Amino acid sequence: MSSSDLNLPDLSQGGAPAVQRPNTPAEHHEDHRDKIAADLRPVFDVPVSVQAVIGRTTIEVSSLLELGPGSVLELDRRVGEAIDIYVNSRLVARGEVVVVDDRLGVTMTEIIKNSDA
C-alpha cells in the first residue's frame, strides 16, 4: 500500500502540512466572551446598587435609639457563614468577607442562578 492510497500529505520537503485546526474550547469561550462584552458595551456605564449583607436582625425602635459606640447587635448568621450579595435588590451571589489593603472587600464564592434565589 502506498502513501497515496492512504491519502497522506507529502512531507518530502521537510515541512509539516498546513492544517487549519478548529478552535479549542478555551479559544471558543474567549471569542464568545469577547462578543458578549462587545454587545453589552452600551450598558457598561449604567450604575447598579451592590449590597453585601453579612446578616440581619429585628429590633424595636426603643432598642435602636439606645445603640451607641461599642453596642453589639446579634445577627442571624454564624461566624464564617457565607454572606449574601445583592445587585439591584436581587440575590446574585454568596461570598466571603476579605481584607484588601486595610479595607473590607467581598470575594464571590457562589453564583446564584435564578431558580436558586
Protein backbone atom coordinates (compact mmCIF):
# COMPACT_ATOMS: atom_id res chain seq x y z
CA MET A 1 0.00 0.00 0.00
CA SER A 2 1.44 3.40 -0.94
CA SER A 3 1.07 6.75 0.86
CA SER A 4 -1.25 7.94 -1.91
CA ASP A 5 -3.59 5.05 -1.09
CA LEU A 6 -3.83 6.31 2.50
CA ASN A 7 -4.44 9.91 1.41
CA LEU A 8 -1.46 11.18 3.46
CA PRO A 9 0.13 14.61 2.81
CA ASP A 10 3.53 14.81 1.11
CA LEU A 11 6.17 15.59 3.75
CA SER A 12 9.18 15.07 1.45
CA GLN A 13 10.13 18.80 1.63
CA GLY A 14 10.72 18.52 5.40
CA GLY A 15 7.78 20.67 6.42
CA ALA A 16 4.52 19.85 8.02
CA PRO A 17 1.32 20.11 6.03
CA ALA A 18 -0.72 23.27 6.53
CA VAL A 19 -3.71 22.14 8.52
CA GLN A 20 -6.25 24.54 9.87
CA ARG A 21 -7.18 23.27 13.28
CA PRO A 22 -10.55 24.12 14.80
CA ASN A 23 -10.77 26.42 17.81
CA THR A 24 -10.10 24.73 21.11
CA PRO A 25 -12.89 25.01 23.70
CA ALA A 26 -10.88 27.68 25.58
CA GLU A 27 -10.41 29.77 22.42
CA HIS A 28 -14.09 29.41 21.56
CA HIS A 29 -15.03 30.51 25.10
CA GLU A 30 -12.79 33.61 24.85
CA ASP A 31 -14.26 34.54 21.45
CA HIS A 32 -17.77 34.11 22.85
CA ARG A 33 -16.95 36.17 25.97
CA ASP A 34 -15.47 38.97 23.82
CA LYS A 35 -18.64 39.01 21.68
CA ILE A 36 -20.85 39.24 24.75
CA ALA A 37 -18.68 42.04 26.19
CA ALA A 38 -18.94 43.96 22.92
CA ASP A 39 -22.74 43.50 22.88
CA LEU A 40 -23.00 44.83 26.45
CA ARG A 41 -20.77 47.86 25.92
CA PRO A 42 -23.75 50.31 25.80
CA VAL A 43 -24.71 49.40 29.39
CA PHE A 44 -21.22 49.42 30.95
CA ASP A 45 -21.77 52.89 32.45
CA VAL A 46 -25.24 52.18 33.90
CA PRO A 47 -24.99 52.41 37.71
CA VAL A 48 -26.16 49.45 39.79
CA SER A 49 -26.60 49.11 43.54
CA VAL A 50 -24.48 46.35 45.14
CA GLN A 51 -25.08 45.19 48.71
CA ALA A 52 -23.08 42.66 50.72
CA VAL A 53 -25.31 41.52 53.57
CA ILE A 54 -23.46 39.96 56.49
CA GLY A 55 -26.62 39.33 58.49
CA ARG A 56 -29.99 40.64 59.61
CA THR A 57 -31.83 41.28 62.84
CA THR A 58 -35.07 42.84 64.00
CA ILE A 59 -35.15 45.20 66.98
CA GLU A 60 -37.62 47.65 68.43
CA VAL A 61 -37.17 51.37 67.81
CA SER A 62 -36.54 51.97 71.53
CA SER A 63 -33.62 49.49 71.41
CA LEU A 64 -32.31 51.09 68.23
CA LEU A 65 -32.23 54.51 69.92
CA GLU A 66 -30.19 53.06 72.78
CA LEU A 67 -27.38 51.88 70.47
CA GLY A 68 -24.07 53.66 70.75
CA PRO A 69 -20.36 53.10 70.19
CA GLY A 70 -19.44 49.58 71.30
CA SER A 71 -23.02 48.27 71.11
CA VAL A 72 -23.37 44.75 69.76
CA LEU A 73 -26.19 43.54 67.54
CA GLU A 74 -26.74 39.81 67.23
CA LEU A 75 -27.27 38.83 63.58
CA ASP A 76 -28.88 35.77 62.06
CA ARG A 77 -25.58 34.41 60.69
CA ARG A 78 -22.76 32.45 62.25
CA VAL A 79 -19.07 33.38 62.03
CA GLY A 80 -17.64 32.07 58.76
CA GLU A 81 -21.04 31.62 57.11
CA ALA A 82 -21.35 32.94 53.55
CA ILE A 83 -22.73 36.45 53.07
CA ASP A 84 -25.38 37.37 50.51
CA ILE A 85 -24.50 39.66 47.60
CA TYR A 86 -27.36 41.59 46.03
CA VAL A 87 -27.35 43.61 42.82
CA ASN A 88 -30.31 45.97 42.49
CA SER A 89 -32.05 44.16 45.38
CA ARG A 90 -31.70 40.77 43.67
CA LEU A 91 -29.64 37.97 45.23
CA VAL A 92 -26.93 37.11 42.69
CA ALA A 93 -24.11 35.52 44.68
CA ARG A 94 -22.74 34.40 48.02
CA GLY A 95 -19.27 35.19 49.22
CA GLU A 96 -16.78 35.81 51.99
CA VAL A 97 -15.53 38.99 53.61
CA VAL A 98 -11.84 39.67 52.88
CA VAL A 99 -9.39 42.42 53.80
CA VAL A 100 -7.77 44.25 50.88
CA ASP A 101 -5.22 46.97 51.72
CA ASP A 102 -6.79 47.69 55.14
CA ARG A 103 -10.28 47.82 53.62
CA LEU A 104 -13.08 45.31 53.69
CA GLY A 105 -13.96 43.56 50.47
CA VAL A 106 -16.01 40.61 49.30
CA THR A 107 -14.94 37.65 47.23
CA MET A 108 -17.70 35.74 45.43
CA THR A 109 -17.68 32.02 46.13
CA GLU A 110 -21.01 31.03 44.58
CA ILE A 111 -23.12 32.50 41.78
CA ILE A 112 -26.85 32.13 42.39
CA LYS A 113 -28.94 31.04 39.43
CA ASN A 114 -32.48 32.38 39.06
CA SER A 115 -34.11 29.18 40.34
CA ASP A 116 -31.84 29.10 43.44
CA ALA A 117 -32.80 32.56 44.74
